[in-house]
Amino acid sequence: MSDLIPDRPIAPDPRLMALTAEERLRRAMSLVDDMAANVVELGRVIYAMKQSGDDLMAVRRRFSASAVGMLFKIGCGQVNPATYLNFGGRPSLYRPVSRLDLGEQQRLAEGGRINVVVYNPRTGETDVRAKTAAELDDEEIARVFADGAIRTEAEQRAILDRQGRAAVIRQRVETVGKITVDKDRDGIVLHGFASRADVKRALKLLE
């Protein structure tokens, strides 16, 4: 993975290189667990500070406003820390997942799959594919997640159907300069002065 290749390589810690692969894995997973526990505890502290009216200026100088907000939500039990650790680097995914119930957040963070309805251009029909949250592209994220819920297959199909109809409508209406060409009504609409060349081009589109 290119993002795991440092710009200026340095020698790895010899203590870690002396370990076996299994020992390094155990060490890594132990640190992940510690990090999650620290995030939870920090969130709880920030939540307590906020509820007590403490001055959060020193904290805000160390973290961005969005990070403080995220920690606050973790501290008050609205966001699963695993959601932040797994999806925090991708706001378009983190935001909808963080609005799900805590159990569902945990399931997705652990690699649980979602049924995603996709358009199959070869058949012209829709297919259902099971994907992890991390595998979703931004268009699928917008289609799969509602506010605080995962849309059903029927709801996703309805969205794809609306998008398909909108695409057809866009194809049936074109613009040439200040002329709108409406193929469905077999005519043009002028929005101001139009040159002879534009009129000819517009009429050509109706043939």
N, C-alpha and C. Protein backbone atom coordinates (compact mmCIF):
# COMPACT_ATOMS: atom_id res chain seq x y z
N MET A 1 0.84 -1.20 0.00
CA MET A 1 0.00 0.00 0.00
C MET A 1 0.88 1.25 0.00
N SER A 2 0.65 2.17 -0.94
CA SER A 2 1.50 3.34 -1.07
C SER A 2 1.46 4.23 0.16
N ASP A 3 0.34 4.27 0.88
CA ASP A 3 0.26 5.14 2.05
C ASP A 3 1.03 4.59 3.23
N LEU A 4 1.58 3.37 3.12
CA LEU A 4 2.40 2.80 4.18
C LEU A 4 3.88 2.85 3.82
N ILE A 5 4.22 3.58 2.76
CA ILE A 5 5.61 3.75 2.37
C ILE A 5 6.04 5.16 2.74
N PRO A 6 6.95 5.32 3.71
CA PRO A 6 7.35 6.67 4.13
C PRO A 6 8.11 7.40 3.03
N ASP A 7 7.96 8.75 3.00
CA ASP A 7 8.68 9.56 2.02
C ASP A 7 10.19 9.46 2.26
N ARG A 8 10.56 9.44 3.53
CA ARG A 8 11.97 9.34 3.89
C ARG A 8 12.14 8.14 4.81
N PRO A 9 12.41 6.98 4.23
CA PRO A 9 12.49 5.75 5.04
C PRO A 9 13.54 5.85 6.14
N ILE A 10 13.21 5.33 7.31
CA ILE A 10 14.15 5.22 8.42
C ILE A 10 14.20 3.77 8.83
N ALA A 11 15.23 3.43 9.57
CA ALA A 11 15.39 2.05 10.01
C ALA A 11 14.33 1.72 11.04
N PRO A 12 13.64 0.58 10.93
CA PRO A 12 12.64 0.18 11.94
C PRO A 12 13.30 -0.02 13.30
N ASP A 13 12.49 0.08 14.34
CA ASP A 13 12.98 -0.13 15.70
C ASP A 13 13.55 -1.55 15.79
N PRO A 14 14.82 -1.70 16.15
CA PRO A 14 15.42 -3.04 16.20
C PRO A 14 14.76 -3.95 17.23
N ARG A 15 14.18 -3.37 18.27
CA ARG A 15 13.50 -4.20 19.27
C ARG A 15 12.28 -4.89 18.66
N LEU A 16 11.59 -4.16 17.80
CA LEU A 16 10.42 -4.73 17.15
C LEU A 16 10.82 -5.70 16.04
N MET A 17 11.92 -5.41 15.36
CA MET A 17 12.38 -6.31 14.30
C MET A 17 12.86 -7.64 14.87
N ALA A 18 13.25 -7.63 16.14
CA ALA A 18 13.73 -8.85 16.77
C ALA A 18 12.58 -9.79 17.14
N LEU A 19 11.35 -9.29 17.15
CA LEU A 19 10.20 -10.10 17.49
C LEU A 19 9.78 -10.96 16.30
N THR A 20 9.01 -11.99 16.58
CA THR A 20 8.44 -12.78 15.50
C THR A 20 7.23 -12.03 14.93
N ALA A 21 6.78 -12.46 13.76
CA ALA A 21 5.61 -11.83 13.15
C ALA A 21 4.39 -11.92 14.06
N GLU A 22 4.21 -13.06 14.71
CA GLU A 22 3.08 -13.24 15.61
C GLU A 22 3.19 -12.30 16.80
N GLU A 23 4.40 -12.12 17.34
CA GLU A 23 4.60 -11.23 18.49
C GLU A 23 4.32 -9.78 18.09
N ARG A 24 4.75 -9.39 16.90
CA ARG A 24 4.47 -8.02 16.45
C ARG A 24 2.98 -7.80 16.27
N LEU A 25 2.28 -8.82 15.76
CA LEU A 25 0.84 -8.70 15.60
C LEU A 25 0.16 -8.54 16.94
N ARG A 26 0.55 -9.36 17.93
CA ARG A 26 -0.04 -9.24 19.27
C ARG A 26 0.23 -7.86 19.85
N ARG A 27 1.45 -7.34 19.64
CA ARG A 27 1.79 -6.02 20.14
C ARG A 27 0.92 -4.95 19.49
N ALA A 28 0.74 -5.08 18.16
CA ALA A 28 -0.08 -4.10 17.44
C ALA A 28 -1.51 -4.11 17.94
N MET A 29 -2.09 -5.32 18.10
CA MET A 29 -3.48 -5.41 18.53
C MET A 29 -3.65 -4.92 19.96
N SER A 30 -2.63 -5.15 20.79
CA SER A 30 -2.69 -4.65 22.17
C SER A 30 -2.71 -3.13 22.19
N LEU A 31 -1.91 -2.52 21.31
CA LEU A 31 -1.87 -1.05 21.25
C LEU A 31 -3.18 -0.50 20.70
N VAL A 32 -3.78 -1.22 19.75
CA VAL A 32 -5.08 -0.78 19.23
C VAL A 32 -6.11 -0.79 20.35
N ASP A 33 -6.10 -1.84 21.16
CA ASP A 33 -7.04 -1.92 22.28
C ASP A 33 -6.79 -0.78 23.26
N ASP A 34 -5.51 -0.50 23.53
CA ASP A 34 -5.17 0.59 24.45
C ASP A 34 -5.63 1.93 23.89
N MET A 35 -5.44 2.10 22.57
CA MET A 35 -5.84 3.35 21.93
C MET A 35 -7.35 3.55 22.04
N ALA A 36 -8.10 2.48 21.79
CA ALA A 36 -9.56 2.57 21.89
C ALA A 36 -9.97 2.93 23.31
N ALA A 37 -9.33 2.29 24.30
CA ALA A 37 -9.65 2.57 25.70
C ALA A 37 -9.32 4.02 26.06
N ASN A 38 -8.19 4.52 25.54
CA ASN A 38 -7.80 5.90 25.83
C ASN A 38 -8.76 6.89 25.18
N VAL A 39 -9.22 6.57 23.97
CA VAL A 39 -10.17 7.45 23.30
C VAL A 39 -11.47 7.53 24.09
N VAL A 40 -11.92 6.37 24.58
CA VAL A 40 -13.15 6.34 25.38
C VAL A 40 -12.98 7.16 26.65
N GLU A 41 -11.86 6.96 27.35
CA GLU A 41 -11.64 7.68 28.62
C GLU A 41 -11.51 9.18 28.37
N LEU A 42 -10.80 9.55 27.30
CA LEU A 42 -10.67 10.98 26.99
C LEU A 42 -12.03 11.57 26.66
N GLY A 43 -12.84 10.83 25.94
CA GLY A 43 -14.18 11.31 25.64
C GLY A 43 -15.01 11.50 26.89
N ARG A 44 -14.90 10.57 27.82
CA ARG A 44 -15.64 10.68 29.08
C ARG A 44 -15.19 11.90 29.88
N VAL A 45 -13.89 12.16 29.88
CA VAL A 45 -13.36 13.32 30.61
C VAL A 45 -13.87 14.62 29.98
N ILE A 46 -13.81 14.70 28.65
CA ILE A 46 -14.27 15.91 27.97
C ILE A 46 -15.77 16.10 28.19
N TYR A 47 -16.52 15.01 28.18
CA TYR A 47 -17.96 15.10 28.43
C TYR A 47 -18.23 15.62 29.84
N ALA A 48 -17.47 15.10 30.82
CA ALA A 48 -17.63 15.55 32.20
C ALA A 48 -17.25 17.02 32.34
N MET A 49 -16.17 17.42 31.67
CA MET A 49 -15.75 18.82 31.71
C MET A 49 -16.84 19.72 31.13
N LYS A 50 -17.40 19.28 30.02
CA LYS A 50 -18.45 20.08 29.37
C LYS A 50 -19.67 20.19 30.27
N GLN A 51 -20.09 19.09 30.87
CA GLN A 51 -21.26 19.09 31.72
C GLN A 51 -21.04 19.90 33.00
N SER A 52 -19.79 19.98 33.44
CA SER A 52 -19.47 20.72 34.66
C SER A 52 -19.18 22.19 34.40
N GLY A 53 -19.16 22.56 33.13
CA GLY A 53 -18.89 23.95 32.80
C GLY A 53 -17.42 24.31 32.87
N ASP A 54 -16.53 23.32 32.81
CA ASP A 54 -15.09 23.58 32.87
C ASP A 54 -14.63 24.31 31.61
N ASP A 55 -13.50 24.98 31.73
CA ASP A 55 -12.89 25.67 30.59
C ASP A 55 -12.22 24.63 29.69
N LEU A 56 -12.68 24.53 28.45
CA LEU A 56 -12.13 23.56 27.50
C LEU A 56 -11.09 24.17 26.55
N MET A 57 -10.65 25.39 26.83
CA MET A 57 -9.75 26.08 25.93
C MET A 57 -8.46 25.29 25.70
N ALA A 58 -7.88 24.76 26.79
CA ALA A 58 -6.62 24.01 26.66
C ALA A 58 -6.82 22.77 25.79
N VAL A 59 -7.96 22.12 25.94
CA VAL A 59 -8.25 20.95 25.12
C VAL A 59 -8.44 21.34 23.66
N ARG A 60 -9.15 22.43 23.44
CA ARG A 60 -9.42 22.88 22.07
C ARG A 60 -8.14 23.29 21.35
N ARG A 61 -7.12 23.71 22.11
CA ARG A 61 -5.85 24.07 21.47
C ARG A 61 -5.10 22.84 20.98
N ARG A 62 -5.41 21.69 21.55
CA ARG A 62 -4.72 20.45 21.18
C ARG A 62 -5.44 19.67 20.09
N PHE A 63 -6.75 19.92 19.93
CA PHE A 63 -7.56 19.16 18.97
C PHE A 63 -8.37 20.11 18.10
N SER A 64 -8.72 19.66 16.92
CA SER A 64 -9.62 20.43 16.08
C SER A 64 -11.02 20.43 16.69
N ALA A 65 -11.86 21.35 16.24
CA ALA A 65 -13.23 21.41 16.75
C ALA A 65 -13.98 20.12 16.46
N SER A 66 -13.75 19.55 15.26
CA SER A 66 -14.45 18.31 14.91
C SER A 66 -13.99 17.15 15.80
N ALA A 67 -12.68 17.12 16.15
CA ALA A 67 -12.17 16.05 17.02
C ALA A 67 -12.76 16.17 18.42
N VAL A 68 -12.86 17.39 18.94
CA VAL A 68 -13.46 17.59 20.26
C VAL A 68 -14.92 17.15 20.24
N GLY A 69 -15.62 17.50 19.17
CA GLY A 69 -17.02 17.08 19.05
C GLY A 69 -17.17 15.58 18.99
N MET A 70 -16.26 14.93 18.27
CA MET A 70 -16.29 13.47 18.18
C MET A 70 -16.03 12.84 19.54
N LEU A 71 -15.02 13.35 20.26
CA LEU A 71 -14.70 12.81 21.58
C LEU A 71 -15.86 13.01 22.55
N PHE A 72 -16.52 14.15 22.44
CA PHE A 72 -17.69 14.43 23.28
C PHE A 72 -18.78 13.38 23.04
N LYS A 73 -19.03 13.06 21.76
CA LYS A 73 -20.07 12.08 21.44
C LYS A 73 -19.69 10.68 21.91
N ILE A 74 -18.40 10.36 21.85
CA ILE A 74 -17.94 9.07 22.39
C ILE A 74 -18.13 9.05 23.90
N GLY A 75 -17.78 10.15 24.54
CA GLY A 75 -17.88 10.22 26.00
C GLY A 75 -19.29 10.10 26.51
N CYS A 76 -20.27 10.60 25.75
CA CYS A 76 -21.66 10.52 26.20
C CYS A 76 -22.38 9.32 25.62
N GLY A 77 -21.64 8.41 24.96
CA GLY A 77 -22.22 7.16 24.50
C GLY A 77 -22.98 7.21 23.20
N GLN A 78 -22.79 8.27 22.40
CA GLN A 78 -23.49 8.36 21.12
C GLN A 78 -22.71 7.70 20.00
N VAL A 79 -21.38 7.66 20.11
CA VAL A 79 -20.53 7.11 19.05
C VAL A 79 -19.64 6.01 19.62
N ASN A 80 -19.59 4.90 18.91
CA ASN A 80 -18.70 3.81 19.29
C ASN A 80 -17.27 4.19 18.92
N PRO A 81 -16.30 4.06 19.84
CA PRO A 81 -14.92 4.45 19.50
C PRO A 81 -14.38 3.69 18.30
N ALA A 82 -14.85 2.47 18.08
CA ALA A 82 -14.40 1.69 16.92
C ALA A 82 -14.80 2.39 15.62
N THR A 83 -15.89 3.12 15.65
CA THR A 83 -16.33 3.86 14.46
C THR A 83 -15.29 4.92 14.10
N TYR A 84 -14.82 5.64 15.12
CA TYR A 84 -13.81 6.67 14.87
C TYR A 84 -12.50 6.05 14.41
N LEU A 85 -12.05 4.99 15.07
CA LEU A 85 -10.77 4.38 14.74
C LEU A 85 -10.77 3.78 13.33
N ASN A 86 -11.90 3.28 12.89
CA ASN A 86 -11.97 2.64 11.58
C ASN A 86 -12.36 3.59 10.45
N PHE A 87 -13.23 4.56 10.75
CA PHE A 87 -13.77 5.39 9.67
C PHE A 87 -13.51 6.88 9.84
N GLY A 88 -12.83 7.27 10.93
CA GLY A 88 -12.64 8.69 11.20
C GLY A 88 -11.87 9.43 10.12
N GLY A 89 -11.04 8.72 9.38
CA GLY A 89 -10.27 9.37 8.33
C GLY A 89 -11.05 9.60 7.05
N ARG A 90 -12.30 9.17 7.03
CA ARG A 90 -13.14 9.34 5.84
C ARG A 90 -14.48 9.93 6.26
N PRO A 91 -14.56 11.26 6.34
CA PRO A 91 -15.76 11.92 6.86
C PRO A 91 -17.06 11.50 6.17
N SER A 92 -17.02 11.28 4.86
CA SER A 92 -18.26 10.93 4.15
C SER A 92 -18.83 9.61 4.64
N LEU A 93 -17.98 8.73 5.17
CA LEU A 93 -18.43 7.45 5.72
C LEU A 93 -18.63 7.54 7.23
N TYR A 94 -17.74 8.25 7.90
CA TYR A 94 -17.83 8.35 9.36
C TYR A 94 -19.15 8.97 9.80
N ARG A 95 -19.57 10.04 9.14
CA ARG A 95 -20.77 10.76 9.57
C ARG A 95 -22.01 9.87 9.59
N PRO A 96 -22.35 9.17 8.50
CA PRO A 96 -23.57 8.34 8.55
C PRO A 96 -23.44 7.14 9.48
N VAL A 97 -22.25 6.52 9.54
CA VAL A 97 -22.08 5.37 10.42
C VAL A 97 -22.21 5.80 11.88
N SER A 98 -21.68 6.96 12.21
CA SER A 98 -21.73 7.43 13.61
C SER A 98 -23.13 7.74 14.09
N ARG A 99 -24.10 7.82 13.16
CA ARG A 99 -25.49 8.09 13.54
C ARG A 99 -26.29 6.80 13.76
N LEU A 100 -25.68 5.65 13.45
CA LEU A 100 -26.35 4.38 13.69
C LEU A 100 -26.31 4.04 15.17
N ASP A 101 -27.10 3.03 15.59
CA ASP A 101 -27.02 2.62 16.99
C ASP A 101 -25.66 1.98 17.25
N LEU A 102 -25.25 1.96 18.51
CA LEU A 102 -23.89 1.54 18.87
C LEU A 102 -23.58 0.12 18.42
N GLY A 103 -24.55 -0.77 18.51
CA GLY A 103 -24.32 -2.15 18.10
C GLY A 103 -24.05 -2.26 16.62
N GLU A 104 -24.80 -1.52 15.82
CA GLU A 104 -24.60 -1.55 14.38
C GLU A 104 -23.27 -0.91 14.00
N GLN A 105 -22.89 0.13 14.72
CA GLN A 105 -21.58 0.74 14.49
C GLN A 105 -20.47 -0.28 14.73
N GLN A 106 -20.60 -1.04 15.80
CA GLN A 106 -19.58 -2.05 16.13
C GLN A 106 -19.53 -3.12 15.04
N ARG A 107 -20.69 -3.54 14.58
CA ARG A 107 -20.74 -4.58 13.54
C ARG A 107 -20.02 -4.13 12.28
N LEU A 108 -20.27 -2.90 11.87
CA LEU A 108 -19.64 -2.40 10.65
C LEU A 108 -18.14 -2.19 10.85
N ALA A 109 -17.77 -1.73 12.04
CA ALA A 109 -16.34 -1.53 12.33
C ALA A 109 -15.59 -2.85 12.30
N GLU A 110 -16.27 -3.93 12.63
CA GLU A 110 -15.64 -5.25 12.64
C GLU A 110 -15.69 -5.93 11.27
N GLY A 111 -16.15 -5.19 10.25
CA GLY A 111 -16.17 -5.73 8.90
C GLY A 111 -17.49 -6.35 8.49
N GLY A 112 -18.55 -6.11 9.26
CA GLY A 112 -19.86 -6.61 8.88
C GLY A 112 -20.30 -6.06 7.54
N ARG A 113 -21.08 -6.85 6.82
CA ARG A 113 -21.45 -6.47 5.46
C ARG A 113 -22.85 -5.86 5.38
N ILE A 114 -23.03 -5.08 4.32
CA ILE A 114 -24.29 -4.40 4.04
C ILE A 114 -24.75 -4.83 2.65
N ASN A 115 -26.05 -5.09 2.50
CA ASN A 115 -26.58 -5.39 1.17
C ASN A 115 -26.74 -4.08 0.40
N VAL A 116 -26.00 -3.98 -0.69
CA VAL A 116 -25.98 -2.76 -1.50
C VAL A 116 -26.60 -3.06 -2.86
N VAL A 117 -27.62 -2.30 -3.23
CA VAL A 117 -28.25 -2.46 -4.54
C VAL A 117 -27.47 -1.62 -5.55
N VAL A 118 -27.00 -2.26 -6.61
CA VAL A 118 -26.23 -1.57 -7.64
C VAL A 118 -26.85 -1.82 -9.01
N TYR A 119 -26.59 -0.91 -9.92
CA TYR A 119 -27.10 -1.03 -11.30
C TYR A 119 -26.12 -1.85 -12.11
N ASN A 120 -26.62 -2.84 -12.83
CA ASN A 120 -25.79 -3.67 -13.70
C ASN A 120 -25.98 -3.20 -15.14
N PRO A 121 -25.00 -2.51 -15.71
CA PRO A 121 -25.18 -1.97 -17.07
C PRO A 121 -25.29 -3.04 -18.14
N ARG A 122 -24.80 -4.24 -17.86
CA ARG A 122 -24.87 -5.31 -18.87
C ARG A 122 -26.29 -5.84 -19.04
N THR A 123 -27.01 -5.92 -17.92
CA THR A 123 -28.37 -6.46 -17.98
C THR A 123 -29.44 -5.39 -17.94
N GLY A 124 -29.05 -4.18 -17.51
CA GLY A 124 -30.04 -3.12 -17.35
C GLY A 124 -30.89 -3.30 -16.10
N GLU A 125 -30.52 -4.26 -15.26
CA GLU A 125 -31.26 -4.53 -14.04
C GLU A 125 -30.39 -4.17 -12.82
N THR A 126 -30.96 -4.36 -11.62
CA THR A 126 -30.19 -4.10 -10.41
C THR A 126 -29.73 -5.42 -9.80
N ASP A 127 -28.57 -5.39 -9.18
CA ASP A 127 -28.03 -6.53 -8.45
C ASP A 127 -27.85 -6.14 -7.00
N VAL A 128 -27.72 -7.14 -6.13
CA VAL A 128 -27.45 -6.90 -4.72
C VAL A 128 -26.07 -7.47 -4.41
N ARG A 129 -25.23 -6.64 -3.85
CA ARG A 129 -23.89 -7.08 -3.47
C ARG A 129 -23.66 -6.82 -1.99
N ALA A 130 -23.05 -7.77 -1.32
CA ALA A 130 -22.72 -7.62 0.09
C ALA A 130 -21.35 -6.97 0.20
N LYS A 131 -21.29 -5.78 0.80
CA LYS A 131 -20.04 -5.04 0.92
C LYS A 131 -19.82 -4.61 2.36
N THR A 132 -18.55 -4.47 2.72
CA THR A 132 -18.24 -3.86 4.01
C THR A 132 -18.39 -2.35 3.84
N ALA A 133 -18.51 -1.65 4.96
CA ALA A 133 -18.64 -0.19 4.89
C ALA A 133 -17.43 0.44 4.20
N ALA A 134 -16.25 -0.10 4.48
CA ALA A 134 -15.03 0.46 3.89
C ALA A 134 -14.99 0.30 2.38
N GLU A 135 -15.74 -0.64 1.83
CA GLU A 135 -15.74 -0.89 0.39
C GLU A 135 -16.70 0.01 -0.37
N LEU A 136 -17.54 0.75 0.33
CA LEU A 136 -18.53 1.60 -0.33
C LEU A 136 -17.88 2.83 -0.93
N ASP A 137 -18.29 3.19 -2.16
CA ASP A 137 -17.85 4.47 -2.70
C ASP A 137 -18.83 5.55 -2.22
N ASP A 138 -18.50 6.81 -2.49
CA ASP A 138 -19.31 7.90 -1.94
C ASP A 138 -20.75 7.88 -2.46
N GLU A 139 -20.94 7.48 -3.71
CA GLU A 139 -22.30 7.40 -4.27
C GLU A 139 -23.10 6.33 -3.54
N GLU A 140 -22.47 5.20 -3.25
CA GLU A 140 -23.16 4.12 -2.54
C GLU A 140 -23.45 4.52 -1.10
N ILE A 141 -22.53 5.25 -0.48
CA ILE A 141 -22.76 5.73 0.89
C ILE A 141 -24.03 6.57 0.95
N ALA A 142 -24.16 7.48 0.00
CA ALA A 142 -25.34 8.36 -0.03
C ALA A 142 -26.62 7.57 -0.25
N ARG A 143 -26.53 6.48 -0.98
CA ARG A 143 -27.71 5.67 -1.28
C ARG A 143 -28.06 4.70 -0.16
N VAL A 144 -27.04 4.18 0.51
CA VAL A 144 -27.23 3.12 1.52
C VAL A 144 -27.71 3.67 2.86
N PHE A 145 -27.17 4.81 3.27
CA PHE A 145 -27.47 5.31 4.61
C PHE A 145 -28.54 6.38 4.59
N ALA A 146 -29.52 6.20 5.48
CA ALA A 146 -30.48 7.27 5.77
C ALA A 146 -30.01 7.89 7.08
N ASP A 147 -30.76 8.82 7.63
CA ASP A 147 -30.34 9.46 8.87
C ASP A 147 -30.55 8.49 10.03
N GLY A 148 -29.46 7.86 10.47
CA GLY A 148 -29.54 6.94 11.61
C GLY A 148 -29.98 5.55 11.26
N ALA A 149 -29.97 5.19 9.97
CA ALA A 149 -30.42 3.84 9.57
C ALA A 149 -29.76 3.44 8.27
N ILE A 150 -29.82 2.13 7.99
CA ILE A 150 -29.38 1.60 6.71
C ILE A 150 -30.62 1.33 5.87
N ARG A 151 -30.66 1.86 4.67
CA ARG A 151 -31.84 1.71 3.84
C ARG A 151 -32.03 0.26 3.40
N THR A 152 -33.28 -0.12 3.25
CA THR A 152 -33.61 -1.47 2.76
C THR A 152 -33.27 -1.56 1.28
N GLU A 153 -33.28 -2.79 0.77
CA GLU A 153 -33.02 -2.97 -0.66
C GLU A 153 -34.08 -2.26 -1.50
N ALA A 154 -35.32 -2.30 -1.05
CA ALA A 154 -36.41 -1.65 -1.79
C ALA A 154 -36.19 -0.13 -1.83
N GLU A 155 -35.76 0.43 -0.72
CA GLU A 155 -35.51 1.88 -0.67
C GLU A 155 -34.35 2.26 -1.58
N GLN A 156 -33.33 1.43 -1.60
CA GLN A 156 -32.18 1.71 -2.47
C GLN A 156 -32.58 1.62 -3.94
N ARG A 157 -33.42 0.63 -4.28
CA ARG A 157 -33.87 0.49 -5.67
C ARG A 157 -34.69 1.71 -6.09
N ALA A 158 -35.49 2.22 -5.17
CA ALA A 158 -36.30 3.40 -5.49
C ALA A 158 -35.42 4.60 -5.81
N ILE A 159 -34.31 4.73 -5.06
CA ILE A 159 -33.38 5.83 -5.32
C ILE A 159 -32.72 5.66 -6.68
N LEU A 160 -32.28 4.43 -6.99
CA LEU A 160 -31.68 4.17 -8.29
C LEU A 160 -32.67 4.45 -9.42
N ASP A 161 -33.93 4.09 -9.19
CA ASP A 161 -34.96 4.32 -10.20
C ASP A 161 -35.16 5.81 -10.45
N ARG A 162 -35.20 6.60 -9.36
CA ARG A 162 -35.35 8.06 -9.51
C ARG A 162 -34.15 8.65 -10.24
N GLN A 163 -32.96 8.18 -9.89
CA GLN A 163 -31.75 8.68 -10.55
C GLN A 163 -31.75 8.33 -12.03
N GLY A 164 -32.25 7.13 -12.34
CA GLY A 164 -32.33 6.72 -13.74
C GLY A 164 -33.28 7.59 -14.54
N ARG A 165 -34.46 7.88 -13.94
CA ARG A 165 -35.43 8.73 -14.63
C ARG A 165 -34.89 10.13 -14.82
N ALA A 166 -34.16 10.63 -13.80
CA ALA A 166 -33.59 11.97 -13.90
C ALA A 166 -32.55 12.03 -15.01
N ALA A 167 -31.77 10.95 -15.15
CA ALA A 167 -30.76 10.91 -16.21
C ALA A 167 -31.41 10.93 -17.58
N VAL A 168 -32.54 10.20 -17.72
CA VAL A 168 -33.26 10.19 -19.00
C VAL A 168 -33.80 11.57 -19.32
N ILE A 169 -34.34 12.25 -18.30
CA ILE A 169 -34.87 13.60 -18.51
C ILE A 169 -33.76 14.54 -18.95
N ARG A 170 -32.57 14.42 -18.30
CA ARG A 170 -31.45 15.28 -18.68
C ARG A 170 -31.04 15.04 -20.13
N GLN A 171 -31.11 13.78 -20.56
CA GLN A 171 -30.75 13.45 -21.93
C GLN A 171 -31.75 14.01 -22.93
N ARG A 172 -33.00 14.22 -22.50
CA ARG A 172 -34.04 14.68 -23.40
C ARG A 172 -34.10 16.21 -23.48
N VAL A 173 -33.35 16.90 -22.61
CA VAL A 173 -33.33 18.35 -22.62
C VAL A 173 -31.88 18.81 -22.74
N GLU A 174 -31.58 19.58 -23.78
CA GLU A 174 -30.23 20.08 -24.00
C GLU A 174 -30.26 21.59 -24.15
N THR A 175 -29.09 22.20 -23.96
CA THR A 175 -28.99 23.66 -24.06
C THR A 175 -27.97 24.04 -25.12
N VAL A 176 -28.34 24.98 -25.95
CA VAL A 176 -27.44 25.55 -26.95
C VAL A 176 -27.44 27.05 -26.76
N GLY A 177 -26.38 27.59 -26.20
CA GLY A 177 -26.35 29.02 -25.92
C GLY A 177 -27.50 29.39 -25.00
N LYS A 178 -28.37 30.29 -25.47
CA LYS A 178 -29.54 30.70 -24.68
C LYS A 178 -30.81 30.01 -25.17
N ILE A 179 -30.64 28.84 -25.75
CA ILE A 179 -31.78 28.07 -26.26
C ILE A 179 -31.86 26.75 -25.52
N THR A 180 -33.04 26.42 -25.01
CA THR A 180 -33.28 25.11 -24.44
C THR A 180 -34.01 24.26 -25.46
N VAL A 181 -33.44 23.09 -25.76
CA VAL A 181 -34.03 22.17 -26.73
C VAL A 181 -34.78 21.09 -25.96
N ASP A 182 -36.11 21.07 -26.11
CA ASP A 182 -36.95 20.10 -25.42
C ASP A 182 -37.40 19.05 -26.43
N LYS A 183 -36.73 17.89 -26.41
CA LYS A 183 -37.02 16.84 -27.39
C LYS A 183 -38.39 16.21 -27.16
N ASP A 184 -38.83 16.16 -25.89
CA ASP A 184 -40.13 15.56 -25.62
C ASP A 184 -41.26 16.36 -26.23
N ARG A 185 -41.14 17.69 -26.19
CA ARG A 185 -42.20 18.54 -26.74
C ARG A 185 -41.88 19.01 -28.16
N ASP A 186 -40.75 18.54 -28.70
CA ASP A 186 -40.36 18.82 -30.07
C ASP A 186 -40.32 20.32 -30.34
N GLY A 187 -39.62 21.04 -29.47
CA GLY A 187 -39.54 22.49 -29.66
C GLY A 187 -38.37 23.08 -28.91
N ILE A 188 -38.24 24.41 -29.04
CA ILE A 188 -37.15 25.12 -28.37
C ILE A 188 -37.73 26.26 -27.55
N VAL A 189 -36.96 26.66 -26.52
CA VAL A 189 -37.35 27.79 -25.68
C VAL A 189 -36.20 28.78 -25.70
N LEU A 190 -36.49 30.03 -26.08
CA LEU A 190 -35.47 31.07 -26.14
C LEU A 190 -35.38 31.79 -24.79
N HIS A 191 -34.15 32.04 -24.33
CA HIS A 191 -33.94 32.75 -23.07
C HIS A 191 -33.17 34.05 -23.32
N GLY A 192 -33.43 34.64 -24.47
CA GLY A 192 -32.71 35.86 -24.84
C GLY A 192 -32.27 35.77 -26.29
N PHE A 193 -31.38 36.67 -26.67
CA PHE A 193 -30.91 36.70 -28.06
C PHE A 193 -30.17 35.41 -28.39
N ALA A 194 -30.48 34.85 -29.56
CA ALA A 194 -29.81 33.65 -30.03
C ALA A 194 -29.33 33.88 -31.45
N SER A 195 -28.09 33.53 -31.70
CA SER A 195 -27.53 33.71 -33.04
C SER A 195 -28.13 32.71 -34.01
N ARG A 196 -28.00 33.00 -35.30
CA ARG A 196 -28.50 32.07 -36.31
C ARG A 196 -27.82 30.71 -36.18
N ALA A 197 -26.52 30.73 -35.87
CA ALA A 197 -25.78 29.47 -35.74
C ALA A 197 -26.34 28.63 -34.60
N ASP A 198 -26.66 29.28 -33.47
CA ASP A 198 -27.22 28.54 -32.34
C ASP A 198 -28.60 27.98 -32.67
N VAL A 199 -29.39 28.77 -33.39
CA VAL A 199 -30.73 28.31 -33.77
C VAL A 199 -30.61 27.09 -34.68
N LYS A 200 -29.68 27.14 -35.62
CA LYS A 200 -29.51 25.99 -36.53
C LYS A 200 -29.08 24.75 -35.75
N ARG A 201 -28.15 24.94 -34.81
CA ARG A 201 -27.68 23.80 -34.00
C ARG A 201 -28.82 23.24 -33.18
N ALA A 202 -29.64 24.13 -32.60
CA ALA A 202 -30.76 23.67 -31.78
C ALA A 202 -31.77 22.89 -32.59
N LEU A 203 -32.11 23.41 -33.78
CA LEU A 203 -33.07 22.73 -34.65
C LEU A 203 -32.51 21.39 -35.13
N LYS A 204 -31.20 21.34 -35.32
CA LYS A 204 -30.57 20.09 -35.74
C LYS A 204 -30.77 18.99 -34.70
N LEU A 205 -30.76 19.38 -33.42
CA LEU A 205 -30.94 18.40 -32.36
C LEU A 205 -32.35 17.80 -32.33
N LEU A 206 -33.30 18.50 -32.95
CA LEU A 206 -34.68 18.00 -32.97
C LEU A 206 -34.94 17.03 -34.12
N GLU A 207 -33.99 16.93 -35.03
CA GLU A 207 -34.21 16.05 -36.19
C GLU A 207 -34.12 14.58 -35.80
